[in-house]
């Protein structure tokens, strides 16, 4: 895998993330991360998320390209969705742009371009 295995660019337009009947965030500052042949992932800046809905869990995973991921559960009035999002708190230098951003699994939260 070369240095171009991962590409990060500003996601065009306004993005929203919803889960459990709540809007967790809306932003015009989302980043789109493309990795190899996988579908692109939208990362939301923490500043534009309702962090009160998100609680860090003990789950961790490691990626040789991005570093160690911390996972977040979504807590709304109606539901708790375990490990629905992830963040790289101290990402590798080549993906430093995603620090302080959180991404969500599409099967656990709805991420849409408005």
N, C-alpha and C. Protein backbone atom coordinates (compact mmCIF):
# COMPACT_ATOMS: atom_id res chain seq x y z
N UNK A 1 0.85 -1.19 0.00
CA UNK A 1 0.00 0.00 0.00
C UNK A 1 0.88 1.24 0.00
N UNK A 2 0.59 2.15 -0.88
CA UNK A 2 1.38 3.38 -0.95
C UNK A 2 0.82 4.46 -0.02
N UNK A 3 1.46 5.61 -0.07
CA UNK A 3 1.02 6.75 0.73
C UNK A 3 -0.39 7.20 0.32
N UNK A 4 -0.78 6.87 -0.91
CA UNK A 4 -2.08 7.31 -1.42
C UNK A 4 -3.20 6.32 -1.11
N UNK A 5 -2.93 5.34 -0.24
CA UNK A 5 -3.94 4.35 0.16
C UNK A 5 -5.13 5.04 0.81
N UNK A 6 -4.88 6.11 1.56
CA UNK A 6 -5.94 6.87 2.23
C UNK A 6 -5.95 8.29 1.69
N UNK A 7 -7.14 8.75 1.33
CA UNK A 7 -7.30 10.14 0.87
C UNK A 7 -8.34 10.82 1.77
N UNK A 8 -8.04 12.04 2.18
CA UNK A 8 -8.97 12.82 2.99
C UNK A 8 -9.23 14.13 2.25
N UNK A 9 -10.50 14.45 2.10
CA UNK A 9 -10.84 15.74 1.48
C UNK A 9 -12.06 16.31 2.17
N UNK A 10 -12.25 17.61 2.00
CA UNK A 10 -13.43 18.25 2.58
C UNK A 10 -14.66 17.68 1.89
N UNK A 11 -15.64 17.27 2.67
CA UNK A 11 -16.90 16.77 2.09
C UNK A 11 -17.72 17.98 1.65
N UNK A 12 -18.22 17.92 0.44
CA UNK A 12 -18.96 19.04 -0.13
C UNK A 12 -20.34 19.13 0.51
N UNK A 13 -20.77 20.36 0.82
CA UNK A 13 -22.13 20.58 1.28
C UNK A 13 -22.31 20.40 2.78
N UNK A 14 -23.58 20.24 3.17
CA UNK A 14 -23.96 20.12 4.58
C UNK A 14 -24.32 18.66 4.86
N UNK A 15 -23.80 18.15 5.97
CA UNK A 15 -24.02 16.75 6.36
C UNK A 15 -24.71 16.71 7.71
N UNK A 16 -25.58 15.71 7.88
CA UNK A 16 -26.29 15.53 9.14
C UNK A 16 -26.17 14.07 9.56
N UNK A 17 -26.11 13.85 10.87
CA UNK A 17 -26.12 12.49 11.41
C UNK A 17 -27.27 12.40 12.40
N UNK A 18 -28.09 11.32 12.25
CA UNK A 18 -29.26 11.10 13.10
C UNK A 18 -29.22 9.67 13.62
N UNK A 19 -29.75 9.49 14.83
CA UNK A 19 -29.90 8.14 15.38
C UNK A 19 -30.89 8.20 16.53
N UNK A 20 -31.63 7.13 16.72
CA UNK A 20 -32.55 7.02 17.85
C UNK A 20 -33.54 8.18 17.93
N UNK A 21 -33.95 8.70 16.77
CA UNK A 21 -34.92 9.80 16.75
C UNK A 21 -34.34 11.16 17.03
N UNK A 22 -33.01 11.26 17.17
CA UNK A 22 -32.37 12.55 17.48
C UNK A 22 -31.40 12.94 16.37
N UNK A 23 -31.27 14.25 16.17
CA UNK A 23 -30.21 14.77 15.31
C UNK A 23 -28.97 14.94 16.18
N UNK A 24 -27.93 14.21 15.86
CA UNK A 24 -26.70 14.24 16.67
C UNK A 24 -25.79 15.38 16.24
N UNK A 25 -25.92 15.79 14.98
CA UNK A 25 -25.08 16.88 14.52
C UNK A 25 -25.36 17.23 13.08
N UNK A 26 -24.96 18.45 12.72
CA UNK A 26 -25.06 18.95 11.36
C UNK A 26 -23.84 19.82 11.12
N UNK A 27 -23.21 19.68 9.96
CA UNK A 27 -21.98 20.41 9.72
C UNK A 27 -21.76 20.72 8.25
N UNK A 28 -21.05 21.79 8.00
CA UNK A 28 -20.54 22.09 6.66
C UNK A 28 -19.03 21.84 6.63
N UNK A 29 -18.50 21.28 7.72
CA UNK A 29 -17.06 21.06 7.84
C UNK A 29 -16.70 19.57 7.91
N UNK A 30 -17.54 18.72 7.34
CA UNK A 30 -17.26 17.28 7.36
C UNK A 30 -16.05 16.97 6.47
N UNK A 31 -15.38 15.87 6.81
CA UNK A 31 -14.30 15.35 5.97
C UNK A 31 -14.72 14.01 5.41
N UNK A 32 -14.28 13.74 4.18
CA UNK A 32 -14.55 12.45 3.55
C UNK A 32 -13.22 11.69 3.47
N UNK A 33 -13.19 10.51 4.08
CA UNK A 33 -11.99 9.69 4.06
C UNK A 33 -12.23 8.49 3.17
N UNK A 34 -11.38 8.32 2.17
CA UNK A 34 -11.45 7.16 1.29
C UNK A 34 -10.24 6.28 1.57
N UNK A 35 -10.50 5.00 1.73
CA UNK A 35 -9.43 4.05 2.02
C UNK A 35 -9.54 2.87 1.08
N UNK A 36 -8.58 2.76 0.17
CA UNK A 36 -8.57 1.65 -0.78
C UNK A 36 -9.88 1.56 -1.55
N UNK A 37 -10.45 0.35 -1.59
CA UNK A 37 -11.69 0.11 -2.34
C UNK A 37 -12.94 0.23 -1.48
N UNK A 38 -12.77 0.61 -0.20
CA UNK A 38 -13.93 0.69 0.69
C UNK A 38 -14.73 1.96 0.41
N UNK A 39 -16.04 1.94 0.72
CA UNK A 39 -16.84 3.15 0.51
C UNK A 39 -16.30 4.30 1.37
N UNK A 40 -16.38 5.53 0.86
CA UNK A 40 -15.89 6.67 1.65
C UNK A 40 -16.66 6.80 2.97
N UNK A 41 -15.97 7.31 3.98
CA UNK A 41 -16.55 7.52 5.30
C UNK A 41 -16.56 9.00 5.60
N UNK A 42 -17.70 9.50 6.12
CA UNK A 42 -17.83 10.90 6.49
C UNK A 42 -17.47 11.06 7.97
N UNK A 43 -16.55 11.97 8.23
CA UNK A 43 -16.14 12.29 9.61
C UNK A 43 -16.71 13.66 9.99
N UNK A 44 -17.33 13.72 11.16
CA UNK A 44 -17.95 14.95 11.67
C UNK A 44 -17.04 15.60 12.71
N UNK A 45 -16.83 16.92 12.63
CA UNK A 45 -16.06 17.58 13.69
C UNK A 45 -16.84 17.54 15.01
N UNK A 46 -16.11 17.25 16.10
CA UNK A 46 -16.77 17.20 17.41
C UNK A 46 -17.51 18.49 17.73
N UNK A 47 -16.96 19.60 17.27
CA UNK A 47 -17.55 20.91 17.57
C UNK A 47 -18.98 21.02 17.03
N UNK A 48 -19.31 20.22 16.01
CA UNK A 48 -20.63 20.28 15.39
C UNK A 48 -21.52 19.10 15.78
N UNK A 49 -21.08 18.32 16.78
CA UNK A 49 -21.87 17.19 17.26
C UNK A 49 -22.39 17.49 18.67
N UNK A 50 -23.56 16.94 18.96
CA UNK A 50 -24.09 17.03 20.32
C UNK A 50 -23.39 15.97 21.16
N UNK A 51 -22.23 16.33 21.72
CA UNK A 51 -21.42 15.34 22.43
C UNK A 51 -22.14 14.76 23.64
N UNK A 52 -23.19 15.42 24.11
CA UNK A 52 -23.98 14.87 25.22
C UNK A 52 -24.65 13.55 24.82
N UNK A 53 -24.85 13.34 23.52
CA UNK A 53 -25.45 12.09 23.03
C UNK A 53 -24.42 10.96 22.96
N UNK A 54 -23.14 11.30 23.05
CA UNK A 54 -22.08 10.32 22.79
C UNK A 54 -21.29 10.02 24.06
N UNK A 55 -21.06 8.74 24.29
CA UNK A 55 -20.29 8.34 25.45
C UNK A 55 -19.20 7.37 25.02
N UNK A 56 -17.95 7.70 25.36
CA UNK A 56 -16.83 6.82 25.00
C UNK A 56 -17.01 5.47 25.69
N UNK A 57 -16.66 4.40 24.98
CA UNK A 57 -16.73 3.06 25.54
C UNK A 57 -15.29 2.53 25.71
N UNK A 58 -15.18 1.33 26.23
CA UNK A 58 -13.86 0.72 26.41
C UNK A 58 -13.36 0.04 25.13
N UNK A 59 -14.19 0.03 24.09
CA UNK A 59 -13.82 -0.64 22.84
C UNK A 59 -12.71 0.13 22.13
N UNK A 60 -11.73 -0.60 21.64
CA UNK A 60 -10.64 -0.02 20.86
C UNK A 60 -10.37 -0.92 19.67
N UNK A 61 -9.87 -0.32 18.60
CA UNK A 61 -9.35 -1.11 17.49
C UNK A 61 -8.14 -0.36 16.95
N UNK A 62 -7.33 -1.07 16.20
CA UNK A 62 -6.09 -0.48 15.71
C UNK A 62 -6.02 -0.63 14.20
N UNK A 63 -5.56 0.44 13.55
CA UNK A 63 -5.37 0.44 12.11
C UNK A 63 -3.92 0.85 11.85
N UNK A 64 -3.19 0.10 11.03
CA UNK A 64 -1.78 0.45 10.80
C UNK A 64 -1.62 1.81 10.12
N UNK A 65 -2.66 2.28 9.43
CA UNK A 65 -2.57 3.54 8.71
C UNK A 65 -3.10 4.72 9.51
N UNK A 66 -4.09 4.46 10.38
CA UNK A 66 -4.76 5.58 11.07
C UNK A 66 -4.44 5.65 12.56
N UNK A 67 -4.07 4.52 13.18
CA UNK A 67 -3.77 4.50 14.61
C UNK A 67 -4.84 3.78 15.40
N UNK A 68 -4.97 4.11 16.69
CA UNK A 68 -5.94 3.45 17.56
C UNK A 68 -7.25 4.23 17.58
N UNK A 69 -8.34 3.50 17.38
CA UNK A 69 -9.67 4.11 17.39
C UNK A 69 -10.33 3.92 18.75
N UNK A 70 -10.98 4.98 19.22
CA UNK A 70 -11.83 4.94 20.41
C UNK A 70 -13.28 4.93 19.91
N UNK A 71 -14.12 4.11 20.56
CA UNK A 71 -15.51 3.98 20.12
C UNK A 71 -16.46 4.73 21.04
N UNK A 72 -17.60 5.12 20.47
CA UNK A 72 -18.62 5.87 21.18
C UNK A 72 -19.98 5.21 21.01
N UNK A 73 -20.73 5.15 22.11
CA UNK A 73 -22.13 4.74 22.03
C UNK A 73 -22.99 5.98 21.94
N UNK A 74 -24.13 5.84 21.28
CA UNK A 74 -25.10 6.92 21.16
C UNK A 74 -26.18 6.70 22.20
N UNK A 75 -26.44 7.74 22.99
CA UNK A 75 -27.49 7.69 24.02
C UNK A 75 -28.55 8.72 23.66
N UNK A 76 -29.77 8.26 23.35
CA UNK A 76 -30.89 9.19 23.16
C UNK A 76 -31.97 8.80 24.17
N UNK A 77 -33.05 9.58 24.18
CA UNK A 77 -34.14 9.27 25.12
C UNK A 77 -34.68 7.87 24.92
N UNK A 78 -34.68 7.42 23.66
CA UNK A 78 -35.36 6.16 23.35
C UNK A 78 -34.43 4.95 23.29
N UNK A 79 -33.12 5.15 23.11
CA UNK A 79 -32.27 4.00 22.80
C UNK A 79 -30.81 4.29 23.14
N UNK A 80 -30.08 3.21 23.40
CA UNK A 80 -28.62 3.26 23.46
C UNK A 80 -28.10 2.40 22.31
N UNK A 81 -27.25 2.96 21.47
CA UNK A 81 -26.70 2.24 20.33
C UNK A 81 -25.20 2.07 20.61
N UNK A 82 -24.81 0.83 20.92
CA UNK A 82 -23.44 0.57 21.36
C UNK A 82 -22.43 0.72 20.23
N UNK A 83 -21.30 1.32 20.54
CA UNK A 83 -20.17 1.42 19.61
C UNK A 83 -20.61 1.85 18.21
N UNK A 84 -21.39 2.91 18.16
CA UNK A 84 -21.95 3.37 16.89
C UNK A 84 -21.01 4.26 16.11
N UNK A 85 -20.07 4.87 16.82
CA UNK A 85 -19.14 5.78 16.16
C UNK A 85 -17.73 5.54 16.64
N UNK A 86 -16.77 6.09 15.91
CA UNK A 86 -15.37 5.94 16.32
C UNK A 86 -14.60 7.20 15.98
N UNK A 87 -13.47 7.34 16.68
CA UNK A 87 -12.63 8.51 16.53
C UNK A 87 -11.18 8.10 16.74
N UNK A 88 -10.29 8.77 16.05
CA UNK A 88 -8.85 8.58 16.28
C UNK A 88 -8.37 9.76 17.10
N UNK A 89 -8.16 9.52 18.41
CA UNK A 89 -7.81 10.61 19.33
C UNK A 89 -6.40 11.13 19.06
N UNK A 90 -5.53 10.22 18.61
CA UNK A 90 -4.13 10.58 18.36
C UNK A 90 -3.72 9.89 17.06
N UNK A 91 -4.26 10.36 15.91
CA UNK A 91 -4.08 9.64 14.65
C UNK A 91 -2.63 9.70 14.15
N UNK A 92 -2.30 8.76 13.28
CA UNK A 92 -1.00 8.79 12.61
C UNK A 92 -0.88 10.10 11.82
N UNK A 93 0.35 10.55 11.62
CA UNK A 93 0.61 11.86 11.00
C UNK A 93 -0.08 12.02 9.64
N UNK A 94 -0.09 10.93 8.86
CA UNK A 94 -0.63 11.06 7.49
C UNK A 94 -2.15 11.29 7.47
N UNK A 95 -2.83 11.00 8.60
CA UNK A 95 -4.28 11.24 8.68
C UNK A 95 -4.61 12.21 9.83
N UNK A 96 -3.64 13.08 10.15
CA UNK A 96 -3.81 14.01 11.27
C UNK A 96 -5.06 14.87 11.14
N UNK A 97 -5.55 15.07 9.92
CA UNK A 97 -6.73 15.92 9.69
C UNK A 97 -7.98 15.39 10.39
N UNK A 98 -8.05 14.07 10.68
CA UNK A 98 -9.27 13.53 11.30
C UNK A 98 -9.25 13.58 12.82
N UNK A 99 -8.19 14.14 13.40
CA UNK A 99 -8.17 14.31 14.86
C UNK A 99 -9.34 15.20 15.26
N UNK A 100 -10.02 14.88 16.34
CA UNK A 100 -11.19 15.63 16.82
C UNK A 100 -12.41 15.50 15.90
N UNK A 101 -12.44 14.44 15.10
CA UNK A 101 -13.59 14.11 14.25
C UNK A 101 -14.11 12.73 14.66
N UNK A 102 -15.40 12.51 14.44
CA UNK A 102 -16.02 11.21 14.74
C UNK A 102 -16.78 10.74 13.50
N UNK A 103 -16.64 9.44 13.20
CA UNK A 103 -17.38 8.82 12.11
C UNK A 103 -18.37 7.81 12.70
N UNK A 104 -19.38 7.45 11.91
CA UNK A 104 -20.45 6.58 12.39
C UNK A 104 -20.68 5.43 11.43
N UNK A 105 -21.03 4.25 12.00
CA UNK A 105 -21.39 3.11 11.17
C UNK A 105 -22.75 3.35 10.51
N UNK A 106 -22.84 3.15 9.19
CA UNK A 106 -24.11 3.42 8.50
C UNK A 106 -25.26 2.55 8.99
N UNK A 107 -24.98 1.36 9.52
CA UNK A 107 -26.05 0.50 10.03
C UNK A 107 -26.51 0.93 11.42
N UNK A 108 -25.80 1.89 12.05
CA UNK A 108 -26.15 2.32 13.41
C UNK A 108 -26.61 3.76 13.49
N UNK A 109 -26.28 4.57 12.48
CA UNK A 109 -26.70 5.97 12.44
C UNK A 109 -26.88 6.37 10.98
N UNK A 110 -27.81 7.29 10.74
CA UNK A 110 -28.06 7.76 9.38
C UNK A 110 -27.19 8.98 9.10
N UNK A 111 -26.29 8.87 8.14
CA UNK A 111 -25.43 9.98 7.74
C UNK A 111 -25.87 10.40 6.35
N UNK A 112 -26.32 11.66 6.23
CA UNK A 112 -26.90 12.11 4.96
C UNK A 112 -26.39 13.50 4.59
N UNK A 113 -26.28 13.70 3.29
CA UNK A 113 -25.96 15.03 2.77
C UNK A 113 -27.29 15.76 2.57
N UNK A 114 -27.38 16.97 3.11
CA UNK A 114 -28.62 17.75 2.99
C UNK A 114 -28.67 18.44 1.63
